[in-house]
C-alpha atoms as a PDB file:
ATOM      1  CA  MET A   1       9.046  42.265 -17.226  1.00  0.00           C
ATOM      2  CA  LYS A   2       5.266  42.578 -18.603  1.00  0.00           C
ATOM      3  CA  LEU A   3       6.345  41.318 -21.866  1.00  0.00           C
ATOM      4  CA  MET A   4       8.109  38.146 -19.816  1.00  0.00           C
ATOM      5  CA  ILE A   5       5.013  37.950 -16.895  1.00  0.00           C
ATOM      6  CA  LEU A   6       3.217  37.582 -20.170  1.00  0.00           C
ATOM      7  CA  LEU A   7       5.060  34.677 -21.967  1.00  0.00           C
ATOM      8  CA  LEU A   8       5.441  32.927 -18.535  1.00  0.00           C
ATOM      9  CA  VAL A   9       1.537  32.676 -18.676  1.00  0.00           C
ATOM     10  CA  SER A  10       1.734  31.561 -22.247  1.00  0.00           C
ATOM     11  CA  ILE A  11       3.768  28.601 -21.780  1.00  0.00           C
ATOM     12  CA  PHE A  12       2.367  27.698 -18.856  1.00  0.00           C
ATOM     13  CA  GLY A  13      -1.574  27.685 -20.248  1.00  0.00           C
ATOM     14  CA  PHE A  14      -0.017  25.755 -23.428  1.00  0.00           C
ATOM     15  CA  ALA A  15       1.372  23.191 -21.282  1.00  0.00           C
ATOM     16  CA  GLN A  16      -1.138  22.741 -19.159  1.00  0.00           C
ATOM     17  CA  ALA A  17      -3.803  22.971 -22.428  1.00  0.00           C
ATOM     18  CA  ASN A  18      -1.326  19.940 -23.279  1.00  0.00           C
ATOM     19  CA  VAL A  19      -1.918  17.503 -20.701  1.00  0.00           C
ATOM     20  CA  GLU A  20      -4.601  15.417 -20.170  1.00  0.00           C
ATOM     21  CA  TYR A  21      -5.601  13.011 -16.845  1.00  0.00           C
ATOM     22  CA  HIS A  22      -6.531   9.552 -17.406  1.00  0.00           C
ATOM     23  CA  VAL A  23      -7.194   6.319 -15.086  1.00  0.00           C
ATOM     24  CA  VAL A  24      -4.580   4.166 -15.326  1.00  0.00           C
ATOM     25  CA  PRO A  25      -4.309   0.262 -14.509  1.00  0.00           C
ATOM     26  CA  THR A  26      -3.243  -1.264 -11.304  1.00  0.00           C
ATOM     27  CA  GLU A  27      -2.528  -4.358 -10.228  1.00  0.00           C
ATOM     28  CA  ARG A  28      -2.950  -5.001  -6.100  1.00  0.00           C
ATOM     29  CA  VAL A  29      -4.545  -2.920  -3.076  1.00  0.00           C
ATOM     30  CA  TYR A  30      -2.438  -3.133   0.294  1.00  0.00           C
ATOM     31  CA  THR A  31      -4.124  -2.833   3.228  1.00  0.00           C
ATOM     32  CA  PRO A  32      -1.803  -2.785   6.131  1.00  0.00           C
ATOM     33  CA  LYS A  33      -2.628  -4.142   9.554  1.00  0.00           C
ATOM     34  CA  GLY A  34      -1.805  -2.264  13.061  1.00  0.00           C
ATOM     35  CA  PHE A  35      -3.966   0.960  12.422  1.00  0.00           C
ATOM     36  CA  ASP A  36      -6.178   2.020  15.226  1.00  0.00           C
ATOM     37  CA  SER A  37      -8.945   4.829  15.894  1.00  0.00           C
ATOM     38  CA  ASN A  38      -5.841   7.312  16.369  1.00  0.00           C
ATOM     39  CA  ASP A  39      -3.910   6.769  13.071  1.00  0.00           C
ATOM     40  CA  ASN A  40      -4.108   8.272   9.770  1.00  0.00           C
ATOM     41  CA  ALA A  41      -4.577   4.943   8.055  1.00  0.00           C
ATOM     42  CA  GLU A  42      -2.905   3.948   4.772  1.00  0.00           C
ATOM     43  CA  VAL A  43      -3.366   1.604   1.678  1.00  0.00           C
ATOM     44  CA  ILE A  44      -0.834   1.069  -0.471  1.00  0.00           C
ATOM     45  CA  VAL A  45      -2.040   0.478  -4.829  1.00  0.00           C
ATOM     46  CA  SER A  46       0.436  -0.893  -7.393  1.00  0.00           C
ATOM     47  CA  GLY A  47       0.343  -0.456 -10.821  1.00  0.00           C
ATOM     48  CA  PHE A  48       1.751   0.450 -14.122  1.00  0.00           C
ATOM     49  CA  LEU A  49       1.720   3.659 -16.878  1.00  0.00           C
ATOM     50  CA  PRO A  50       1.374   2.296 -19.713  1.00  0.00           C
ATOM     51  CA  ASN A  51       4.166   4.386 -21.515  1.00  0.00           C
ATOM     52  CA  LEU A  52       6.561   7.024 -20.652  1.00  0.00           C
ATOM     53  CA  CYS A  53       4.001   9.942 -22.166  1.00  0.00           C
ATOM     54  CA  TYR A  54       1.775   9.237 -18.685  1.00  0.00           C
ATOM     55  CA  GLN A  55       3.708  10.913 -15.486  1.00  0.00           C
ATOM     56  CA  ASN A  56       2.281  11.867 -11.672  1.00  0.00           C
ATOM     57  CA  PRO A  57      -0.265   8.822 -10.645  1.00  0.00           C
ATOM     58  CA  ARG A  58      -2.399  10.626  -8.000  1.00  0.00           C
ATOM     59  CA  HIS A  59      -5.406   9.628  -6.118  1.00  0.00           C
ATOM     60  CA  LYS A  60      -8.761  10.687  -5.225  1.00  0.00           C
ATOM     61  CA  ILE A  61     -11.028   9.120  -2.477  1.00  0.00           C
ATOM     62  CA  THR A  62     -14.761   9.660  -1.981  1.00  0.00           C
ATOM     63  CA  ARG A  63     -16.064   8.084   0.895  1.00  0.00           C
ATOM     64  CA  SER A  64     -19.713   6.438   1.248  1.00  0.00           C
ATOM     65  CA  GLY A  65     -20.572   4.846   5.286  1.00  0.00           C
ATOM     66  CA  LYS A  66     -18.019   1.944   5.592  1.00  0.00           C
ATOM     67  CA  ASN A  67     -17.075   2.108   1.692  1.00  0.00           C
ATOM     68  CA  ILE A  68     -14.472   4.134   0.529  1.00  0.00           C
ATOM     69  CA  PHE A  69     -13.125   4.840  -3.049  1.00  0.00           C
ATOM     70  CA  ILE A  70     -10.192   4.733  -4.931  1.00  0.00           C
ATOM     71  CA  THR A  71      -9.333   6.206  -8.079  1.00  0.00           C
ATOM     72  CA  ILE A  72      -5.788   6.376  -9.625  1.00  0.00           C
ATOM     73  CA  ASN A  73      -5.218   8.286 -12.294  1.00  0.00           C
ATOM     74  CA  ALA A  74      -1.666  10.668 -13.672  1.00  0.00           C
ATOM     75  CA  SER A  75      -0.832  13.057 -16.225  1.00  0.00           C
ATOM     76  CA  ARG A  76      -0.838  11.947 -20.240  1.00  0.00           C
ATOM     77  CA  ILE A  77       1.080  14.557 -22.377  1.00  0.00           C
ATOM     78  CA  LYS A  78      -0.881  15.080 -25.668  1.00  0.00           C
ATOM     79  CA  ASP A  79       0.189  14.910 -29.450  1.00  0.00           C
ATOM     80  CA  GLU A  80       3.624  13.116 -28.292  1.00  0.00           C
ATOM     81  CA  TYR A  81       5.593  10.437 -29.648  1.00  0.00           C
ATOM     82  CA  CYS A  82       5.077   7.883 -26.636  1.00  0.00           C
ATOM     83  CA  PRO A  83       7.272   5.066 -26.251  1.00  0.00           C
ATOM     84  CA  GLU A  84       6.403   1.894 -25.004  1.00  0.00           C
ATOM     85  CA  VAL A  85       8.216   1.223 -21.965  1.00  0.00           C
ATOM     86  CA  VAL A  86       5.880   0.558 -18.883  1.00  0.00           C
ATOM     87  CA  VAL A  87       6.511   2.220 -15.413  1.00  0.00           C
ATOM     88  CA  PRO A  88       5.493   0.499 -12.328  1.00  0.00           C
ATOM     89  CA  PHE A  89       4.710   2.790  -9.064  1.00  0.00           C
ATOM     90  CA  LEU A  90       3.548   2.103  -5.576  1.00  0.00           C
ATOM     91  CA  GLU A  91       0.724   4.980  -4.542  1.00  0.00           C
ATOM     92  CA  VAL A  92       0.727   5.463  -0.810  1.00  0.00           C
ATOM     93  CA  VAL A  93      -3.218   6.459  -0.047  1.00  0.00           C
ATOM     94  CA  ASP A  94      -3.981   8.398   3.176  1.00  0.00           C
ATOM     95  CA  ILE A  95      -7.280   7.805   4.018  1.00  0.00           C
ATOM     96  CA  GLY A  96      -7.410   9.474   7.189  1.00  0.00           C
ATOM     97  CA  MET A  97      -8.159   8.560  10.861  1.00  0.00           C
ATOM     98  CA  LEU A  98     -11.384   6.487  10.603  1.00  0.00           C
ATOM     99  CA  ASP A  99     -13.801   4.985  13.776  1.00  0.00           C
ATOM    100  CA  PRO A 100     -13.038   1.517  14.898  1.00  0.00           C
ATOM    101  CA  LYS A 101     -14.814  -0.915  12.117  1.00  0.00           C
ATOM    102  CA  LYS A 102     -13.756  -3.066   8.953  1.00  0.00           C
ATOM    103  CA  TYR A 103     -13.936  -1.508   5.963  1.00  0.00           C
ATOM    104  CA  LYS A 104     -14.252  -1.813   2.302  1.00  0.00           C
ATOM    105  CA  ILE A 105     -11.753  -0.891  -0.558  1.00  0.00           C
ATOM    106  CA  TYR A 106     -12.272  -0.239  -3.832  1.00  0.00           C
ATOM    107  CA  VAL A 107      -9.758   0.899  -6.507  1.00  0.00           C
ATOM    108  CA  ASN A 108     -10.690   1.847 -10.239  1.00  0.00           C
ATOM    109  CA  ASN A 109     -14.158   0.400  -9.574  1.00  0.00           C
ATOM    110  CA  GLN A 110     -15.563   2.376 -12.508  1.00  0.00           C
ATOM    111  CA  THR A 111     -13.224   0.344 -14.842  1.00  0.00           C
ATOM    112  CA  GLN A 112     -13.073  -3.154 -16.215  1.00  0.00           C
ATOM    113  CA  THR A 113     -10.395  -4.441 -13.694  1.00  0.00           C
ATOM    114  CA  PRO A 114     -11.581  -2.976 -10.371  1.00  0.00           C
ATOM    115  CA  LEU A 115      -9.896  -4.213  -7.197  1.00  0.00           C
ATOM    116  CA  GLU A 116     -11.531  -4.731  -3.808  1.00  0.00           C
ATOM    117  CA  GLU A 117     -10.079  -5.023  -0.374  1.00  0.00           C
ATOM    118  CA  SER A 118     -11.061  -4.851   3.564  1.00  0.00           C
ATOM    119  CA  ILE A 119      -9.250  -2.964   6.212  1.00  0.00           C
ATOM    120  CA  GLU A 120      -9.962  -3.417   9.855  1.00  0.00           C
ATOM    121  CA  ILE A 121      -9.733  -0.007  12.450  1.00  0.00           C
ATOM    122  CA  VAL A 122      -8.963  -1.238  15.444  1.00  0.00           C
ATOM    123  CA  GLN A 123     -10.011   1.522  18.892  1.00  0.00           C
ATOM    124  CA  ARG A 124      -7.000   2.882  20.619  1.00  0.00           C
ATOM    125  CA  THR A 125      -6.547   0.777  23.279  1.00  0.00           C
ATOM    126  CA  ASN A 126      -5.192   3.420  25.943  1.00  0.00           C
ATOM    127  CA  GLY A 127      -5.621   7.115  26.318  1.00  0.00           C
ATOM    128  CA  ARG A 128      -1.881   8.335  25.089  1.00  0.00           C
ATOM    129  CA  ILE A 129      -2.281  10.442  21.524  1.00  0.00           C
ATOM    130  CA  ASP A 130       0.259   7.645  20.303  1.00  0.00           C
ATOM    131  CA  GLU A 131       0.393   4.048  20.794  1.00  0.00           C
ATOM    132  CA  ALA A 132       3.767   3.676  19.217  1.00  0.00           C
ATOM    133  CA  ILE A 133       7.017   5.724  18.896  1.00  0.00           C
ATOM    134  CA  TYR A 134       8.741   5.107  15.788  1.00  0.00           C
ATOM    135  CA  PRO A 135      11.429   6.631  14.344  1.00  0.00           C
ATOM    136  CA  ILE A 136      11.618   8.758  11.095  1.00  0.00           C
ATOM    137  CA  VAL A 137      12.479   6.227   8.175  1.00  0.00           C
ATOM    138  CA  PHE A 138      13.949   7.575   5.327  1.00  0.00           C
ATOM    139  CA  ASN A 139      15.325   4.772   3.391  1.00  0.00           C
ATOM    140  CA  VAL A 140      14.571   0.364   3.591  1.00  0.00           C
ATOM    141  CA  LYS A 141      16.192  -1.749   1.617  1.00  0.00           C
ATOM    142  CA  TYR A 142      15.207  -5.464   1.307  1.00  0.00           C
ATOM    143  CA  GLU A 143      18.620  -8.144   1.628  1.00  0.00           C
ATOM    144  CA  ARG A 144      17.099 -11.093  -0.651  1.00  0.00           C
ATOM    145  CA  SER A 145      20.349 -12.973   0.169  1.00  0.00           C
ATOM    146  CA  ASN A 146      19.327 -13.428   4.221  1.00  0.00           C
ATOM    147  CA  ASN A 147      15.068 -12.608   4.125  1.00  0.00           C
ATOM    148  CA  SER A 148      16.160  -9.366   5.871  1.00  0.00           C
ATOM    149  CA  ILE A 149      15.367  -5.419   5.885  1.00  0.00           C
ATOM    150  CA  LEU A 150      17.773  -3.162   6.558  1.00  0.00           C
ATOM    151  CA  ILE A 151      16.123   0.170   7.803  1.00  0.00           C
ATOM    152  CA  GLU A 152      17.845   3.645   8.074  1.00  0.00           C
ATOM    153  CA  ALA A 153      15.868   6.160   9.821  1.00  0.00           C
ATOM    154  CA  TYR A 154      16.502   8.871  12.806  1.00  0.00           C
ATOM    155  CA  LYS A 155      15.268   9.151  16.340  1.00  0.00           C
ATOM    156  CA  PRO A 156      13.594  12.467  16.914  1.00  0.00           C
ATOM    157  CA  SER A 157      15.837  12.732  20.137  1.00  0.00           C
ATOM    158  CA  ASP A 158      18.188  10.915  21.681  1.00  0.00           C
ATOM    159  CA  CYS A 159      16.202   9.807  25.144  1.00  0.00           C
ATOM    160  CA  TYR A 160      14.634   7.255  22.924  1.00  0.00           C
ATOM    161  CA  GLU A 161      16.462   4.004  21.736  1.00  0.00           C
ATOM    162  CA  PHE A 162      15.871   1.576  20.070  1.00  0.00           C
ATOM    163  CA  ASP A 163      13.382  -1.348  21.391  1.00  0.00           C
ATOM    164  CA  LYS A 164      11.832  -4.096  18.874  1.00  0.00           C
ATOM    165  CA  VAL A 165      10.429  -4.900  15.818  1.00  0.00           C
ATOM    166  CA  GLU A 166       7.409  -6.294  15.407  1.00  0.00           C
ATOM    167  CA  PHE A 167       5.968  -7.753  12.278  1.00  0.00           C
ATOM    168  CA  PHE A 168       2.459  -8.621  11.091  1.00  0.00           C
ATOM    169  CA  SER A 169       1.878 -11.109   8.084  1.00  0.00           C
ATOM    170  CA  ASP A 170      -1.443 -11.298   6.287  1.00  0.00           C
ATOM    171  CA  LYS A 171      -0.829 -14.838   4.904  1.00  0.00           C
ATOM    172  CA  LYS A 172      -0.403 -13.589   1.411  1.00  0.00           C
ATOM    173  CA  ASN A 173       1.122 -10.670   0.074  1.00  0.00           C
ATOM    174  CA  LEU A 174       1.749  -7.895   2.873  1.00  0.00           C
ATOM    175  CA  ILE A 175       4.195  -7.986   5.844  1.00  0.00           C
ATOM    176  CA  THR A 176       3.537  -4.969   7.898  1.00  0.00           C
ATOM    177  CA  VAL A 177       6.725  -4.111   9.824  1.00  0.00           C
ATOM    178  CA  LEU A 178       6.139  -1.592  13.149  1.00  0.00           C
ATOM    179  CA  PRO A 179      10.239  -0.116  14.379  1.00  0.00           C
ATOM    180  CA  LYS A 180       9.095   0.687  17.884  1.00  0.00           C
ATOM    181  CA  MET A 181      11.504   2.803  20.143  1.00  0.00           C
ATOM    182  CA  ARG A 182      11.238   3.624  23.785  1.00  0.00           C
ATOM    183  CA  LYS A 183      11.895   6.195  26.339  1.00  0.00           C
ATOM    184  CA  ILE A 184      14.527   5.847  28.739  1.00  0.00           C
ATOM    185  CA  ARG A 185      14.672   9.763  30.298  1.00  0.00           C
ATOM    186  CA  ASP A 186      11.819  12.470  30.710  1.00  0.00           C
ATOM    187  CA  PHE A 187      14.372  15.492  29.260  1.00  0.00           C
ATOM    188  CA  CYS A 188      14.025  15.223  25.571  1.00  0.00           C
ATOM    189  CA  PRO A 189      15.727  17.597  23.256  1.00  0.00           C
ATOM    190  CA  MET A 190      15.034  17.707  19.600  1.00  0.00           C
ATOM    191  CA  LYS A 191      18.010  16.026  18.188  1.00  0.00           C
ATOM    192  CA  LEU A 192      18.067  13.681  15.395  1.00  0.00           C
ATOM    193  CA  THR A 193      19.844  10.993  15.624  1.00  0.00           C
ATOM    194  CA  PRO A 194      20.943   8.192  12.957  1.00  0.00           C
ATOM    195  CA  ILE A 195      19.822   5.245  13.497  1.00  0.00           C
ATOM    196  CA  THR A 196      20.052   1.519  11.136  1.00  0.00           C
ATOM    197  CA  ILE A 197      18.190  -1.342  11.603  1.00  0.00           C
ATOM    198  CA  ARG A 198      18.565  -4.673  10.408  1.00  0.00           C
ATOM    199  CA  GLU A 199      15.837  -7.476  11.019  1.00  0.00           C
ATOM    200  CA  LYS A 200      14.800 -10.748   9.513  1.00  0.00           C
ATOM    201  CA  LEU A 201      11.705 -10.813   8.072  1.00  0.00           C
ATOM    202  CA  PRO A 202       8.733 -13.675   8.417  1.00  0.00           C
ATOM    203  CA  ASN A 203       8.946 -16.471   6.120  1.00  0.00           C
ATOM    204  CA  LEU A 204       7.623 -14.687   2.532  1.00  0.00           C
ATOM    205  CA  VAL A 205       4.159 -16.709   1.261  1.00  0.00           C
ATOM    206  CA  ASN A 206       4.769 -18.189  -1.897  1.00  0.00           C
ATOM    207  CA  SER A 207       2.872 -15.100  -3.493  1.00  0.00           C
ATOM    208  CA  LEU A 208       4.498 -13.373  -7.149  1.00  0.00           C
ATOM    209  CA  LYS A 209       4.604 -10.052  -5.374  1.00  0.00           C
ATOM    210  CA  THR A 210       4.660  -8.949  -1.556  1.00  0.00           C
ATOM    211  CA  LEU A 211       4.586  -5.341  -0.201  1.00  0.00           C
ATOM    212  CA  ILE A 212       6.549  -4.408   2.898  1.00  0.00           C
ATOM    213  CA  HIS A 213       5.163  -1.711   4.897  1.00  0.00           C
ATOM    214  CA  VAL A 214       7.200  -0.276   7.376  1.00  0.00           C
ATOM    215  CA  ARG A 215       5.108   2.504   9.724  1.00  0.00           C
ATOM    216  CA  SER A 216       7.418   5.778  10.638  1.00  0.00           C
ATOM    217  CA  LEU A 217       7.026   8.538  12.941  1.00  0.00           C
ATOM    218  CA  ASN A 218       6.329  11.252  10.377  1.00  0.00           C
ATOM    219  CA  GLN A 219       3.276   9.004   8.970  1.00  0.00           C
ATOM    220  CA  GLU A 220       4.821   8.702   5.907  1.00  0.00           C
ATOM    221  CA  SER A 221       4.983   4.860   5.629  1.00  0.00           C
ATOM    222  CA  LYS A 222       7.714   3.827   3.562  1.00  0.00           C
ATOM    223  CA  ASN A 223       7.310   0.540   1.022  1.00  0.00           C
ATOM    224  CA  ILE A 224       8.983  -1.653  -1.190  1.00  0.00           C
ATOM    225  CA  GLU A 225       7.252  -4.466  -3.144  1.00  0.00           C
ATOM    226  CA  ILE A 226       9.841  -7.788  -3.401  1.00  0.00           C
ATOM    227  CA  VAL A 227       9.155  -9.918  -6.720  1.00  0.00           C
ATOM    228  CA  GLN A 228      10.064 -13.432  -6.327  1.00  0.00           C
END
């Protein structure tokens, strides 16, 4: 048994020693609209892994006043043949609950290709904990033929019914989708109920890539990047 444990520790140590972490190329930083001071705000960073030796992109955040600095890196296996295959990724970065104001977002600021954007957090408008109730979204599909979005989700209880979808477009390369529900009775037993929502998107701006950002109850948004 002891021999087995020592062998596993040795293998794990070798694997760790054979991996490095490097900053990876990023292309865009998307800053969705609709976050208030009660939300865990998010930004989404798109980029690519240079070859198949790179894996598992991750992020690190530091804040200084109204400035938020994000570094995106990934693990890289050393001493291996690396097929030259570019792998795109979307990294959802939770920047937390912020005071209502405008913030500057800097991505990979110390590299030769830094990204810069801004995000505005608005004041919560009433005393409720949640401004809106969303379904628990687990899948999002874009239907190019009719410029529609298909949202597959669960209602947290059958005391809610689907109300409407609100869209916010930044008129550049981002559409924020808010699938809202409304409460129809006070008795709310925990009962996950599947729901499918199909809505036509606003006209896409003439951009090479557009991000569709769909808000979810579990604060884990679903995001898809459309290449035109």
